[in-house]
Amino acid sequence: MTATVLYDGSCPFCLKSVAILKSLDWRKALHFQNGRETASLPPSDPPLVPKRLIEEMHVVSPGGAAVYAGFRAFRYMSWRLPLLWPVAPLLYIPGVPWLGQRVYLWIAANRFKLVPCKDGVCAVPPRKAA
């Protein structure tokens, strides 16, 4: 079974991040889903809060027994992406989770400033024909 990664599908920064994560997911351990598509959210305990899915990336473990958000979601994914295995243990060093969550929340709060947006709404540019 695969874990489900929920992300903001209307955010170009998030879409680029997901594209990078997909390229690292050689073992297909993760399923990526737009968190704005609330009708098809995976079951989980605790239940998912749609508003929070847009604020932070979430990972729902296989079977929905656990939900991780923000830095904890990244840390969960790092164990499932072979290129990140060398970094994964470092994410548990005292102080790193605290700092990592603060950095993650800053990026999440400013993601619309990090990419071209208009009035807080980002448009996904059309794909160029190959």
N, C-alpha and C. Protein backbone atom coordinates (compact mmCIF):
# COMPACT_ATOMS: atom_id res chain seq x y z
N MET A 1 0.83 -1.19 0.00
CA MET A 1 0.00 0.00 0.00
C MET A 1 0.88 1.25 0.00
N THR A 2 0.33 2.32 -0.52
CA THR A 2 1.07 3.57 -0.60
C THR A 2 0.46 4.60 0.34
N ALA A 3 1.28 5.53 0.76
CA ALA A 3 0.80 6.68 1.53
C ALA A 3 0.29 7.72 0.54
N THR A 4 -0.64 8.55 0.97
CA THR A 4 -1.20 9.59 0.11
C THR A 4 -0.67 10.95 0.55
N VAL A 5 -0.08 11.67 -0.40
CA VAL A 5 0.42 13.02 -0.16
C VAL A 5 -0.63 13.98 -0.70
N LEU A 6 -1.13 14.85 0.18
CA LEU A 6 -2.14 15.84 -0.19
C LEU A 6 -1.48 17.21 -0.24
N TYR A 7 -1.69 17.92 -1.33
CA TYR A 7 -1.03 19.20 -1.56
C TYR A 7 -2.01 20.17 -2.19
N ASP A 8 -1.64 21.46 -2.24
CA ASP A 8 -2.47 22.49 -2.85
C ASP A 8 -2.26 22.45 -4.36
N GLY A 9 -3.22 21.89 -5.06
CA GLY A 9 -3.13 21.74 -6.51
C GLY A 9 -3.30 23.02 -7.29
N SER A 10 -3.57 24.14 -6.62
CA SER A 10 -3.71 25.43 -7.30
C SER A 10 -2.49 26.32 -7.09
N CYS A 11 -1.46 25.76 -6.53
CA CYS A 11 -0.26 26.53 -6.19
C CYS A 11 0.91 26.06 -7.06
N PRO A 12 1.45 26.94 -7.92
CA PRO A 12 2.58 26.54 -8.76
C PRO A 12 3.80 26.08 -7.96
N PHE A 13 4.07 26.72 -6.84
CA PHE A 13 5.19 26.31 -5.99
C PHE A 13 4.97 24.87 -5.50
N CYS A 14 3.74 24.58 -5.08
CA CYS A 14 3.41 23.23 -4.59
C CYS A 14 3.50 22.22 -5.73
N LEU A 15 3.01 22.59 -6.90
CA LEU A 15 3.05 21.68 -8.05
C LEU A 15 4.49 21.36 -8.44
N LYS A 16 5.37 22.34 -8.37
CA LYS A 16 6.79 22.11 -8.67
C LYS A 16 7.40 21.20 -7.62
N SER A 17 7.06 21.42 -6.36
CA SER A 17 7.56 20.58 -5.27
C SER A 17 7.10 19.13 -5.46
N VAL A 18 5.85 18.95 -5.83
CA VAL A 18 5.32 17.60 -6.06
C VAL A 18 6.01 16.95 -7.25
N ALA A 19 6.29 17.71 -8.29
CA ALA A 19 6.99 17.15 -9.45
C ALA A 19 8.37 16.63 -9.04
N ILE A 20 9.06 17.38 -8.18
CA ILE A 20 10.37 16.93 -7.69
C ILE A 20 10.22 15.66 -6.86
N LEU A 21 9.25 15.65 -5.95
CA LEU A 21 9.02 14.47 -5.12
C LEU A 21 8.68 13.25 -5.97
N LYS A 22 7.86 13.44 -6.99
CA LYS A 22 7.51 12.32 -7.88
C LYS A 22 8.76 11.77 -8.58
N SER A 23 9.66 12.66 -8.97
CA SER A 23 10.87 12.19 -9.65
C SER A 23 11.77 11.41 -8.71
N LEU A 24 11.66 11.64 -7.41
CA LEU A 24 12.44 10.91 -6.41
C LEU A 24 11.77 9.62 -5.95
N ASP A 25 10.51 9.44 -6.32
CA ASP A 25 9.73 8.30 -5.84
C ASP A 25 9.85 7.11 -6.79
N TRP A 26 11.04 6.57 -6.90
CA TRP A 26 11.31 5.45 -7.81
C TRP A 26 10.51 4.21 -7.43
N ARG A 27 10.29 4.02 -6.14
CA ARG A 27 9.62 2.80 -5.66
C ARG A 27 8.11 2.93 -5.65
N LYS A 28 7.59 4.08 -6.06
CA LYS A 28 6.14 4.34 -6.10
C LYS A 28 5.52 4.11 -4.72
N ALA A 29 6.18 4.63 -3.70
CA ALA A 29 5.71 4.49 -2.32
C ALA A 29 4.67 5.54 -1.94
N LEU A 30 4.54 6.56 -2.80
CA LEU A 30 3.64 7.67 -2.49
C LEU A 30 2.64 7.88 -3.62
N HIS A 31 1.43 8.22 -3.22
CA HIS A 31 0.38 8.60 -4.18
C HIS A 31 0.12 10.08 -3.94
N PHE A 32 0.14 10.89 -4.99
CA PHE A 32 -0.01 12.34 -4.85
C PHE A 32 -1.42 12.73 -5.28
N GLN A 33 -2.07 13.54 -4.43
CA GLN A 33 -3.46 13.93 -4.69
C GLN A 33 -3.66 15.39 -4.33
N ASN A 34 -4.41 16.09 -5.17
CA ASN A 34 -4.75 17.48 -4.93
C ASN A 34 -5.65 17.55 -3.69
N GLY A 35 -5.20 18.26 -2.66
CA GLY A 35 -5.97 18.39 -1.43
C GLY A 35 -7.23 19.22 -1.58
N ARG A 36 -7.35 19.93 -2.69
CA ARG A 36 -8.57 20.71 -2.95
C ARG A 36 -9.72 19.83 -3.44
N GLU A 37 -9.40 18.63 -3.86
CA GLU A 37 -10.44 17.69 -4.32
C GLU A 37 -10.98 16.94 -3.10
N THR A 38 -11.78 17.65 -2.31
CA THR A 38 -12.21 17.13 -1.01
C THR A 38 -13.18 15.95 -1.12
N ALA A 39 -13.83 15.78 -2.25
CA ALA A 39 -14.77 14.67 -2.40
C ALA A 39 -14.06 13.32 -2.43
N SER A 40 -12.76 13.32 -2.74
CA SER A 40 -12.05 12.04 -2.86
C SER A 40 -10.89 11.92 -1.88
N LEU A 41 -11.00 12.57 -0.73
CA LEU A 41 -9.94 12.47 0.27
C LEU A 41 -9.89 11.06 0.85
N PRO A 42 -8.69 10.58 1.16
CA PRO A 42 -8.58 9.24 1.74
C PRO A 42 -9.13 9.24 3.17
N PRO A 43 -9.70 8.11 3.59
CA PRO A 43 -10.16 8.02 4.99
C PRO A 43 -8.95 8.06 5.92
N SER A 44 -9.13 8.69 7.08
CA SER A 44 -8.03 8.77 8.03
C SER A 44 -8.57 8.95 9.44
N ASP A 45 -7.71 8.61 10.38
CA ASP A 45 -8.01 8.83 11.78
C ASP A 45 -6.78 9.47 12.40
N PRO A 46 -6.77 10.74 12.68
CA PRO A 46 -7.91 11.64 12.77
C PRO A 46 -8.42 12.08 11.40
N PRO A 47 -9.68 12.54 11.34
CA PRO A 47 -10.23 13.00 10.06
C PRO A 47 -9.48 14.21 9.53
N LEU A 48 -9.44 14.32 8.22
CA LEU A 48 -8.76 15.44 7.57
C LEU A 48 -9.64 16.69 7.63
N VAL A 49 -8.99 17.84 7.78
CA VAL A 49 -9.67 19.13 7.79
C VAL A 49 -9.30 19.83 6.48
N PRO A 50 -10.26 19.95 5.53
CA PRO A 50 -9.93 20.50 4.21
C PRO A 50 -9.17 21.82 4.24
N LYS A 51 -9.53 22.74 5.13
CA LYS A 51 -8.83 24.03 5.19
C LYS A 51 -7.35 23.84 5.50
N ARG A 52 -7.02 22.92 6.37
CA ARG A 52 -5.62 22.67 6.73
C ARG A 52 -4.83 22.06 5.57
N LEU A 53 -5.50 21.33 4.69
CA LEU A 53 -4.81 20.70 3.57
C LEU A 53 -4.23 21.74 2.62
N ILE A 54 -4.81 22.93 2.61
CA ILE A 54 -4.31 24.00 1.75
C ILE A 54 -3.20 24.78 2.45
N GLU A 55 -3.18 24.75 3.78
CA GLU A 55 -2.17 25.46 4.55
C GLU A 55 -0.84 24.71 4.60
N GLU A 56 -0.90 23.37 4.66
CA GLU A 56 0.31 22.55 4.76
C GLU A 56 0.10 21.25 3.98
N MET A 57 1.18 20.75 3.40
CA MET A 57 1.14 19.44 2.78
C MET A 57 0.88 18.40 3.87
N HIS A 58 0.05 17.42 3.56
CA HIS A 58 -0.26 16.34 4.50
C HIS A 58 0.09 15.00 3.86
N VAL A 59 0.42 14.03 4.70
CA VAL A 59 0.61 12.65 4.27
C VAL A 59 -0.30 11.78 5.12
N VAL A 60 -1.10 10.96 4.45
CA VAL A 60 -1.95 9.99 5.13
C VAL A 60 -1.29 8.63 4.94
N SER A 61 -0.97 7.98 6.04
CA SER A 61 -0.29 6.68 5.97
C SER A 61 -1.22 5.64 5.35
N PRO A 62 -0.65 4.55 4.82
CA PRO A 62 -1.49 3.49 4.27
C PRO A 62 -2.51 3.03 5.32
N GLY A 63 -3.75 2.93 4.91
CA GLY A 63 -4.81 2.53 5.83
C GLY A 63 -5.38 3.68 6.63
N GLY A 64 -4.76 4.86 6.56
CA GLY A 64 -5.28 6.05 7.23
C GLY A 64 -5.08 6.09 8.73
N ALA A 65 -4.20 5.25 9.27
CA ALA A 65 -4.00 5.20 10.72
C ALA A 65 -3.27 6.42 11.27
N ALA A 66 -2.52 7.13 10.43
CA ALA A 66 -1.77 8.30 10.89
C ALA A 66 -1.80 9.39 9.81
N VAL A 67 -1.76 10.63 10.27
CA VAL A 67 -1.72 11.79 9.38
C VAL A 67 -0.56 12.67 9.83
N TYR A 68 0.28 13.07 8.88
CA TYR A 68 1.43 13.93 9.16
C TYR A 68 1.28 15.20 8.34
N ALA A 69 1.63 16.35 8.93
CA ALA A 69 1.52 17.63 8.23
C ALA A 69 2.84 18.39 8.31
N GLY A 70 3.07 19.24 7.31
CA GLY A 70 4.24 20.12 7.32
C GLY A 70 5.55 19.37 7.35
N PHE A 71 6.43 19.76 8.27
CA PHE A 71 7.75 19.15 8.39
C PHE A 71 7.64 17.66 8.68
N ARG A 72 6.68 17.27 9.51
CA ARG A 72 6.51 15.85 9.84
C ARG A 72 6.14 15.06 8.58
N ALA A 73 5.39 15.67 7.66
CA ALA A 73 5.06 15.00 6.39
C ALA A 73 6.33 14.81 5.56
N PHE A 74 7.17 15.85 5.51
CA PHE A 74 8.43 15.74 4.77
C PHE A 74 9.30 14.65 5.39
N ARG A 75 9.36 14.63 6.71
CA ARG A 75 10.19 13.62 7.39
C ARG A 75 9.67 12.21 7.07
N TYR A 76 8.36 12.02 7.06
CA TYR A 76 7.77 10.73 6.70
C TYR A 76 8.17 10.34 5.28
N MET A 77 8.05 11.30 4.35
CA MET A 77 8.39 11.02 2.95
C MET A 77 9.86 10.71 2.77
N SER A 78 10.73 11.33 3.57
CA SER A 78 12.17 11.14 3.41
C SER A 78 12.59 9.68 3.59
N TRP A 79 11.86 8.94 4.41
CA TRP A 79 12.18 7.51 4.60
C TRP A 79 11.71 6.66 3.42
N ARG A 80 10.86 7.20 2.57
CA ARG A 80 10.31 6.43 1.47
C ARG A 80 10.93 6.78 0.12
N LEU A 81 11.78 7.80 0.10
CA LEU A 81 12.43 8.24 -1.14
C LEU A 81 13.93 7.95 -1.02
N PRO A 82 14.43 6.96 -1.75
CA PRO A 82 15.81 6.49 -1.58
C PRO A 82 16.88 7.58 -1.57
N LEU A 83 16.77 8.60 -2.40
CA LEU A 83 17.80 9.65 -2.40
C LEU A 83 17.80 10.47 -1.12
N LEU A 84 16.70 10.43 -0.37
CA LEU A 84 16.63 11.20 0.88
C LEU A 84 16.99 10.36 2.10
N TRP A 85 17.23 9.06 1.93
CA TRP A 85 17.56 8.21 3.07
C TRP A 85 18.75 8.73 3.87
N PRO A 86 19.82 9.23 3.25
CA PRO A 86 20.94 9.72 4.06
C PRO A 86 20.57 10.92 4.94
N VAL A 87 19.58 11.70 4.51
CA VAL A 87 19.16 12.89 5.25
C VAL A 87 18.15 12.54 6.34
N ALA A 88 17.37 11.50 6.15
CA ALA A 88 16.26 11.17 7.05
C ALA A 88 16.65 11.11 8.53
N PRO A 89 17.72 10.42 8.91
CA PRO A 89 18.06 10.39 10.35
C PRO A 89 18.38 11.76 10.92
N LEU A 90 18.92 12.65 10.10
CA LEU A 90 19.28 13.99 10.57
C LEU A 90 18.06 14.81 10.94
N LEU A 91 16.91 14.44 10.39
CA LEU A 91 15.67 15.18 10.65
C LEU A 91 15.11 14.93 12.05
N TYR A 92 15.77 14.06 12.81
CA TYR A 92 15.35 13.74 14.18
C TYR A 92 16.29 14.33 15.24
N ILE A 93 17.36 14.95 14.82
CA ILE A 93 18.31 15.55 15.76
C ILE A 93 17.57 16.61 16.58
N PRO A 94 17.78 16.65 17.89
CA PRO A 94 17.09 17.65 18.70
C PRO A 94 17.24 19.06 18.13
N GLY A 95 16.14 19.75 18.04
CA GLY A 95 16.11 21.10 17.49
C GLY A 95 15.74 21.15 16.03
N VAL A 96 16.10 20.11 15.27
CA VAL A 96 15.80 20.10 13.83
C VAL A 96 14.29 20.08 13.57
N PRO A 97 13.50 19.24 14.26
CA PRO A 97 12.05 19.28 14.02
C PRO A 97 11.44 20.66 14.32
N TRP A 98 11.88 21.28 15.40
CA TRP A 98 11.36 22.60 15.76
C TRP A 98 11.69 23.61 14.66
N LEU A 99 12.96 23.65 14.26
CA LEU A 99 13.39 24.58 13.22
C LEU A 99 12.76 24.22 11.88
N GLY A 100 12.74 22.94 11.56
CA GLY A 100 12.17 22.49 10.29
C GLY A 100 10.72 22.89 10.14
N GLN A 101 9.93 22.77 11.21
CA GLN A 101 8.52 23.14 11.14
C GLN A 101 8.38 24.65 10.95
N ARG A 102 9.20 25.42 11.62
CA ARG A 102 9.12 26.88 11.46
C ARG A 102 9.49 27.30 10.04
N VAL A 103 10.53 26.70 9.49
CA VAL A 103 10.93 27.00 8.11
C VAL A 103 9.82 26.57 7.15
N TYR A 104 9.28 25.37 7.38
CA TYR A 104 8.20 24.87 6.52
C TYR A 104 7.01 25.83 6.55
N LEU A 105 6.58 26.24 7.75
CA LEU A 105 5.43 27.14 7.87
C LEU A 105 5.70 28.49 7.22
N TRP A 106 6.94 28.99 7.31
CA TRP A 106 7.28 30.25 6.65
C TRP A 106 7.14 30.10 5.13
N ILE A 107 7.69 29.02 4.60
CA ILE A 107 7.59 28.79 3.15
C ILE A 107 6.13 28.64 2.75
N ALA A 108 5.36 27.86 3.51
CA ALA A 108 3.95 27.65 3.18
C ALA A 108 3.18 28.97 3.21
N ALA A 109 3.44 29.82 4.21
CA ALA A 109 2.74 31.09 4.32
C ALA A 109 3.15 32.07 3.22
N ASN A 110 4.35 31.94 2.70
CA ASN A 110 4.87 32.87 1.70
C ASN A 110 4.94 32.29 0.29
N ARG A 111 4.38 31.10 0.10
CA ARG A 111 4.53 30.43 -1.19
C ARG A 111 3.95 31.21 -2.35
N PHE A 112 2.95 32.02 -2.09
CA PHE A 112 2.36 32.82 -3.17
C PHE A 112 3.24 34.01 -3.52
N LYS A 113 4.14 34.39 -2.62
CA LYS A 113 5.09 35.47 -2.90
C LYS A 113 6.33 34.91 -3.61
N LEU A 114 6.54 33.61 -3.50
CA LEU A 114 7.71 32.98 -4.09
C LEU A 114 7.52 32.66 -5.57
N VAL A 115 6.27 32.75 -6.03
CA VAL A 115 5.95 32.50 -7.43
C VAL A 115 5.04 33.63 -7.91
N PRO A 116 4.99 33.88 -9.22
CA PRO A 116 4.13 34.97 -9.71
C PRO A 116 2.66 34.68 -9.45
N CYS A 117 2.01 35.60 -8.74
CA CYS A 117 0.59 35.48 -8.44
C CYS A 117 -0.06 36.85 -8.58
N LYS A 118 -1.35 36.84 -8.71
CA LYS A 118 -2.09 38.09 -8.78
C LYS A 118 -3.21 38.03 -7.76
N ASP A 119 -3.25 38.99 -6.85
CA ASP A 119 -4.28 39.07 -5.82
C ASP A 119 -4.35 37.80 -4.98
N GLY A 120 -3.20 37.18 -4.70
CA GLY A 120 -3.18 35.97 -3.87
C GLY A 120 -3.62 34.72 -4.58
N VAL A 121 -3.91 34.81 -5.88
CA VAL A 121 -4.35 33.64 -6.64
C VAL A 121 -3.30 33.35 -7.70
N CYS A 122 -2.80 32.14 -7.72
CA CYS A 122 -1.80 31.76 -8.69
C CYS A 122 -2.44 30.98 -9.82
N ALA A 123 -2.06 31.30 -11.00
CA ALA A 123 -2.54 30.54 -12.15
C ALA A 123 -1.43 29.60 -12.58
N VAL A 124 -1.81 28.39 -12.87
CA VAL A 124 -0.83 27.42 -13.36
C VAL A 124 -0.64 27.70 -14.84
N PRO A 125 0.60 28.00 -15.25
CA PRO A 125 0.84 28.31 -16.67
C PRO A 125 0.57 27.08 -17.53
N PRO A 126 0.05 27.29 -18.74
CA PRO A 126 -0.20 26.15 -19.63
C PRO A 126 1.10 25.47 -20.01
N ARG A 127 1.02 24.16 -20.20
CA ARG A 127 2.22 23.41 -20.62
C ARG A 127 2.54 23.73 -22.06
N LYS A 128 3.82 23.82 -22.33
CA LYS A 128 4.27 24.05 -23.69
C LYS A 128 4.21 22.73 -24.44
N ALA A 129 3.83 22.81 -25.69
CA ALA A 129 3.79 21.61 -26.52
C ALA A 129 5.20 21.07 -26.72
N ALA A 130 5.31 19.77 -26.63
CA ALA A 130 6.65 19.14 -26.77
C ALA A 130 7.07 19.06 -28.21
